[in-house]
């Protein structure tokens, strides 16, 4: 009986952590094979959404990109003019933390 609990504990310690929402969506969208118009999320090393997310493949040299918070809440609408979201995301996070 003791070995059973040892094995169970070892399995629990070595089992991979669950996927984050970003990782799950990325896996599901990547599996479709159709990336033309789809948003295939980009995740950071912690599994959170990157601030900038771009849709599909570039048409006429640019893609539609939007800004998101770490939980995939959109904070700036898609546009071909969006090139970076770091400042927008920091501003958004600051307001969220300070209750504004």
N, C-alpha and C. Protein backbone atom coordinates (compact mmCIF):
# COMPACT_ATOMS: atom_id res chain seq x y z
N UNK A 1 0.83 -1.19 0.00
CA UNK A 1 0.00 0.00 0.00
C UNK A 1 0.87 1.25 0.00
N UNK A 2 1.99 1.19 0.73
CA UNK A 2 2.87 2.35 0.80
C UNK A 2 3.43 2.68 -0.58
N UNK A 3 3.78 1.70 -1.36
CA UNK A 3 4.32 1.92 -2.71
C UNK A 3 3.28 2.59 -3.61
N UNK A 4 2.02 2.24 -3.44
CA UNK A 4 0.97 2.87 -4.23
C UNK A 4 0.96 4.38 -4.01
N UNK A 5 1.03 4.82 -2.75
CA UNK A 5 1.03 6.25 -2.45
C UNK A 5 2.31 6.93 -2.91
N UNK A 6 3.42 6.21 -2.84
CA UNK A 6 4.68 6.75 -3.37
C UNK A 6 4.56 6.99 -4.87
N UNK A 7 4.01 6.00 -5.57
CA UNK A 7 3.85 6.13 -7.03
C UNK A 7 2.88 7.25 -7.37
N UNK A 8 1.79 7.33 -6.62
CA UNK A 8 0.80 8.38 -6.85
C UNK A 8 1.42 9.76 -6.62
N UNK A 9 2.18 9.90 -5.57
CA UNK A 9 2.84 11.17 -5.27
C UNK A 9 3.85 11.53 -6.36
N UNK A 10 4.62 10.55 -6.79
CA UNK A 10 5.61 10.78 -7.84
C UNK A 10 4.92 11.20 -9.14
N UNK A 11 3.83 10.53 -9.50
CA UNK A 11 3.08 10.89 -10.70
C UNK A 11 2.56 12.32 -10.58
N UNK A 12 2.01 12.68 -9.44
CA UNK A 12 1.46 14.02 -9.21
C UNK A 12 2.55 15.08 -9.35
N UNK A 13 3.74 14.80 -8.84
CA UNK A 13 4.84 15.77 -8.91
C UNK A 13 5.38 15.91 -10.32
N UNK A 14 5.38 14.84 -11.09
CA UNK A 14 5.98 14.87 -12.42
C UNK A 14 4.98 15.15 -13.53
N UNK A 15 3.70 15.13 -13.23
CA UNK A 15 2.68 15.37 -14.26
C UNK A 15 2.80 16.81 -14.75
N UNK A 16 2.66 17.02 -16.06
CA UNK A 16 2.75 18.38 -16.60
C UNK A 16 1.60 19.24 -16.11
N UNK A 17 1.90 20.51 -15.91
CA UNK A 17 0.85 21.44 -15.50
C UNK A 17 -0.14 21.57 -16.65
N UNK A 18 -1.37 21.91 -16.32
CA UNK A 18 -2.39 22.08 -17.34
C UNK A 18 -2.07 23.22 -18.29
N UNK A 19 -2.66 23.15 -19.44
CA UNK A 19 -2.48 24.21 -20.43
C UNK A 19 -3.17 25.48 -19.97
N UNK A 20 -2.58 26.59 -20.30
CA UNK A 20 -3.25 27.86 -20.07
C UNK A 20 -4.25 28.07 -21.20
N UNK A 21 -5.12 29.06 -21.05
CA UNK A 21 -6.08 29.37 -22.10
C UNK A 21 -5.37 29.71 -23.40
N UNK A 22 -4.30 30.48 -23.32
CA UNK A 22 -3.54 30.86 -24.51
C UNK A 22 -2.96 29.62 -25.20
N UNK A 23 -2.35 28.75 -24.43
CA UNK A 23 -1.74 27.55 -25.00
C UNK A 23 -2.79 26.64 -25.64
N UNK A 24 -3.94 26.52 -24.98
CA UNK A 24 -5.03 25.69 -25.52
C UNK A 24 -5.55 26.27 -26.84
N UNK A 25 -5.82 27.59 -26.85
CA UNK A 25 -6.32 28.22 -28.08
C UNK A 25 -5.30 28.11 -29.20
N UNK A 26 -4.04 28.30 -28.86
CA UNK A 26 -2.99 28.20 -29.89
C UNK A 26 -2.96 26.80 -30.49
N UNK A 27 -3.02 25.78 -29.63
CA UNK A 27 -3.01 24.40 -30.11
C UNK A 27 -4.23 24.13 -30.99
N UNK A 28 -5.41 24.56 -30.54
CA UNK A 28 -6.64 24.32 -31.30
C UNK A 28 -6.63 25.05 -32.64
N UNK A 29 -6.21 26.31 -32.65
CA UNK A 29 -6.20 27.07 -33.90
C UNK A 29 -5.13 26.55 -34.85
N UNK A 30 -3.99 26.13 -34.31
CA UNK A 30 -2.92 25.59 -35.16
C UNK A 30 -3.35 24.29 -35.82
N UNK A 31 -4.19 23.53 -35.14
CA UNK A 31 -4.63 22.23 -35.66
C UNK A 31 -5.54 22.36 -36.86
N UNK A 32 -6.18 23.52 -37.04
CA UNK A 32 -7.11 23.67 -38.16
C UNK A 32 -6.40 23.70 -39.50
N UNK A 33 -5.15 24.18 -39.51
CA UNK A 33 -4.39 24.25 -40.75
C UNK A 33 -4.73 25.45 -41.61
N UNK A 34 -5.82 26.15 -41.31
CA UNK A 34 -6.21 27.34 -42.07
C UNK A 34 -5.81 28.57 -41.27
N UNK A 35 -4.70 29.19 -41.64
CA UNK A 35 -4.18 30.31 -40.88
C UNK A 35 -4.35 31.63 -41.63
N UNK A 36 -5.13 31.64 -42.69
CA UNK A 36 -5.26 32.83 -43.52
C UNK A 36 -5.92 33.97 -42.78
N UNK A 37 -7.09 33.74 -42.20
CA UNK A 37 -7.83 34.80 -41.52
C UNK A 37 -7.86 34.60 -40.01
N UNK A 38 -7.28 33.51 -39.55
CA UNK A 38 -7.38 33.12 -38.16
C UNK A 38 -6.38 33.83 -37.27
N UNK A 39 -6.80 34.06 -36.04
CA UNK A 39 -5.86 34.54 -35.02
C UNK A 39 -5.34 33.31 -34.30
N UNK A 40 -4.08 33.01 -34.51
CA UNK A 40 -3.42 31.93 -33.77
C UNK A 40 -2.65 32.63 -32.67
N UNK A 41 -3.14 32.53 -31.42
CA UNK A 41 -2.54 33.30 -30.33
C UNK A 41 -1.06 33.02 -30.12
N UNK A 42 -0.34 34.06 -29.73
CA UNK A 42 1.06 33.95 -29.33
C UNK A 42 1.09 34.07 -27.81
N UNK A 43 1.80 33.15 -27.16
CA UNK A 43 1.85 33.10 -25.70
C UNK A 43 3.26 33.42 -25.21
N UNK A 44 3.36 33.99 -24.01
CA UNK A 44 4.68 34.22 -23.42
C UNK A 44 5.14 32.95 -22.70
N UNK A 45 6.29 33.03 -22.04
CA UNK A 45 6.86 31.85 -21.38
C UNK A 45 6.02 31.34 -20.21
N UNK A 46 5.08 32.18 -19.71
CA UNK A 46 4.21 31.78 -18.61
C UNK A 46 2.84 31.30 -19.11
N UNK A 47 2.66 31.35 -20.43
CA UNK A 47 1.38 30.91 -21.00
C UNK A 47 0.35 32.01 -21.11
N UNK A 48 0.73 33.26 -20.80
CA UNK A 48 -0.19 34.39 -20.96
C UNK A 48 -0.14 34.89 -22.39
N UNK A 49 -1.19 35.57 -22.79
CA UNK A 49 -1.22 36.14 -24.13
C UNK A 49 -0.21 37.28 -24.25
N UNK A 50 0.50 37.32 -25.38
CA UNK A 50 1.39 38.45 -25.65
C UNK A 50 0.53 39.69 -25.89
N UNK A 51 1.08 40.88 -25.61
CA UNK A 51 0.30 42.11 -25.78
C UNK A 51 -0.23 42.31 -27.20
N UNK A 52 0.57 41.98 -28.21
CA UNK A 52 0.12 42.16 -29.60
C UNK A 52 -0.20 40.80 -30.20
N UNK A 53 -1.35 40.73 -30.84
CA UNK A 53 -1.79 39.51 -31.52
C UNK A 53 -2.19 39.91 -32.93
N UNK A 54 -1.69 39.18 -33.92
CA UNK A 54 -1.96 39.52 -35.32
C UNK A 54 -2.74 38.41 -36.00
N UNK A 55 -3.60 38.80 -36.90
CA UNK A 55 -4.51 37.89 -37.58
C UNK A 55 -3.93 37.41 -38.90
N UNK A 56 -3.96 36.11 -39.10
CA UNK A 56 -3.64 35.51 -40.38
C UNK A 56 -2.32 35.92 -41.00
N UNK A 57 -2.26 35.75 -42.30
CA UNK A 57 -1.06 36.08 -43.05
C UNK A 57 -1.16 37.50 -43.59
N UNK A 58 -0.02 38.09 -43.85
CA UNK A 58 0.03 39.46 -44.34
C UNK A 58 -0.59 39.55 -45.73
N UNK A 59 -1.41 40.57 -45.90
CA UNK A 59 -1.92 40.90 -47.23
C UNK A 59 -1.44 42.30 -47.53
N UNK A 60 -1.02 42.55 -48.71
CA UNK A 60 -0.44 43.83 -49.14
C UNK A 60 0.61 44.35 -48.15
N UNK A 61 1.41 43.43 -47.60
CA UNK A 61 2.54 43.82 -46.77
C UNK A 61 2.27 44.03 -45.30
N UNK A 62 1.03 43.99 -44.86
CA UNK A 62 0.77 44.18 -43.43
C UNK A 62 -0.38 43.29 -42.97
N UNK A 63 -0.44 43.10 -41.65
CA UNK A 63 -1.49 42.27 -41.06
C UNK A 63 -2.32 43.12 -40.11
N UNK A 64 -3.53 42.68 -39.85
CA UNK A 64 -4.35 43.30 -38.82
C UNK A 64 -3.85 42.79 -37.48
N UNK A 65 -3.53 43.70 -36.57
CA UNK A 65 -3.08 43.34 -35.23
C UNK A 65 -3.92 44.09 -34.21
N UNK A 66 -4.04 43.52 -33.03
CA UNK A 66 -4.80 44.12 -31.94
C UNK A 66 -4.01 43.95 -30.64
N UNK A 67 -4.38 44.74 -29.63
CA UNK A 67 -3.73 44.66 -28.32
C UNK A 67 -4.66 43.95 -27.34
N UNK A 68 -4.07 43.06 -26.54
CA UNK A 68 -4.83 42.28 -25.58
C UNK A 68 -4.15 42.31 -24.22
N UNK A 69 -4.97 42.11 -23.16
CA UNK A 69 -4.37 41.94 -21.84
C UNK A 69 -3.93 40.48 -21.72
N UNK A 70 -3.34 40.12 -20.58
CA UNK A 70 -2.78 38.77 -20.45
C UNK A 70 -3.84 37.67 -20.45
N UNK A 71 -5.11 38.06 -20.23
CA UNK A 71 -6.20 37.08 -20.22
C UNK A 71 -7.02 37.09 -21.50
N UNK A 72 -6.55 37.77 -22.54
CA UNK A 72 -7.15 37.84 -23.87
C UNK A 72 -8.32 38.82 -23.94
N UNK A 73 -8.35 39.78 -23.02
CA UNK A 73 -9.33 40.86 -23.14
C UNK A 73 -8.78 41.89 -24.11
N UNK A 74 -9.54 42.20 -25.14
CA UNK A 74 -9.05 43.15 -26.14
C UNK A 74 -9.03 44.56 -25.57
N UNK A 75 -7.88 45.25 -25.71
CA UNK A 75 -7.75 46.62 -25.21
C UNK A 75 -7.50 47.62 -26.33
N UNK A 76 -7.29 47.15 -27.53
CA UNK A 76 -7.22 48.01 -28.72
C UNK A 76 -7.68 47.19 -29.91
N UNK A 77 -8.60 47.75 -30.67
CA UNK A 77 -9.21 47.04 -31.80
C UNK A 77 -8.18 46.73 -32.89
N UNK A 78 -8.46 45.71 -33.69
CA UNK A 78 -7.56 45.35 -34.79
C UNK A 78 -7.40 46.49 -35.79
N UNK A 79 -6.17 46.66 -36.23
CA UNK A 79 -5.84 47.69 -37.21
C UNK A 79 -4.54 47.31 -37.89
N UNK A 80 -4.36 47.78 -39.10
CA UNK A 80 -3.08 47.56 -39.79
C UNK A 80 -2.03 48.54 -39.28
N UNK A 81 -2.45 49.53 -38.50
CA UNK A 81 -1.53 50.53 -37.97
C UNK A 81 -0.88 50.11 -36.65
N UNK A 82 -1.44 49.11 -35.98
CA UNK A 82 -0.90 48.66 -34.69
C UNK A 82 0.41 47.93 -34.94
N UNK A 83 1.48 48.43 -34.34
CA UNK A 83 2.81 47.82 -34.51
C UNK A 83 3.39 47.33 -33.18
N UNK A 84 2.91 47.89 -32.06
CA UNK A 84 3.38 47.50 -30.74
C UNK A 84 2.28 47.77 -29.73
N UNK A 85 2.22 46.95 -28.70
CA UNK A 85 1.19 47.10 -27.68
C UNK A 85 1.77 47.19 -26.27
N UNK A 86 3.08 47.23 -26.14
CA UNK A 86 3.69 47.20 -24.81
C UNK A 86 3.24 48.37 -23.95
N UNK A 87 3.28 49.59 -24.47
CA UNK A 87 2.87 50.76 -23.69
C UNK A 87 1.38 50.72 -23.37
N UNK A 88 0.58 50.34 -24.36
CA UNK A 88 -0.87 50.25 -24.16
C UNK A 88 -1.18 49.23 -23.08
N UNK A 89 -0.50 48.10 -23.12
CA UNK A 89 -0.74 47.04 -22.13
C UNK A 89 -0.30 47.49 -20.74
N UNK A 90 0.86 48.14 -20.62
CA UNK A 90 1.32 48.63 -19.32
C UNK A 90 0.35 49.64 -18.74
N UNK A 91 -0.15 50.54 -19.58
CA UNK A 91 -1.13 51.53 -19.15
C UNK A 91 -2.41 50.84 -18.68
N UNK A 92 -2.87 49.87 -19.44
CA UNK A 92 -4.08 49.11 -19.08
C UNK A 92 -3.88 48.36 -17.76
N UNK A 93 -2.74 47.67 -17.61
CA UNK A 93 -2.46 46.93 -16.38
C UNK A 93 -2.39 47.85 -15.17
N UNK A 94 -1.80 49.03 -15.34
CA UNK A 94 -1.71 49.99 -14.24
C UNK A 94 -3.11 50.41 -13.80
N UNK A 95 -3.98 50.69 -14.75
CA UNK A 95 -5.35 51.08 -14.42
C UNK A 95 -6.10 49.93 -13.74
N UNK A 96 -5.87 48.71 -14.18
CA UNK A 96 -6.52 47.55 -13.57
C UNK A 96 -6.06 47.38 -12.12
N UNK A 97 -4.76 47.55 -11.87
CA UNK A 97 -4.22 47.37 -10.53
C UNK A 97 -4.66 48.47 -9.58
N UNK A 98 -4.89 49.66 -10.10
CA UNK A 98 -5.24 50.79 -9.26
C UNK A 98 -6.74 51.06 -9.23
N UNK A 99 -7.52 50.15 -9.77
CA UNK A 99 -8.97 50.24 -9.69
C UNK A 99 -9.57 51.40 -10.47
N UNK A 100 -8.93 51.82 -11.51
CA UNK A 100 -9.46 52.93 -12.30
C UNK A 100 -10.08 52.45 -13.58
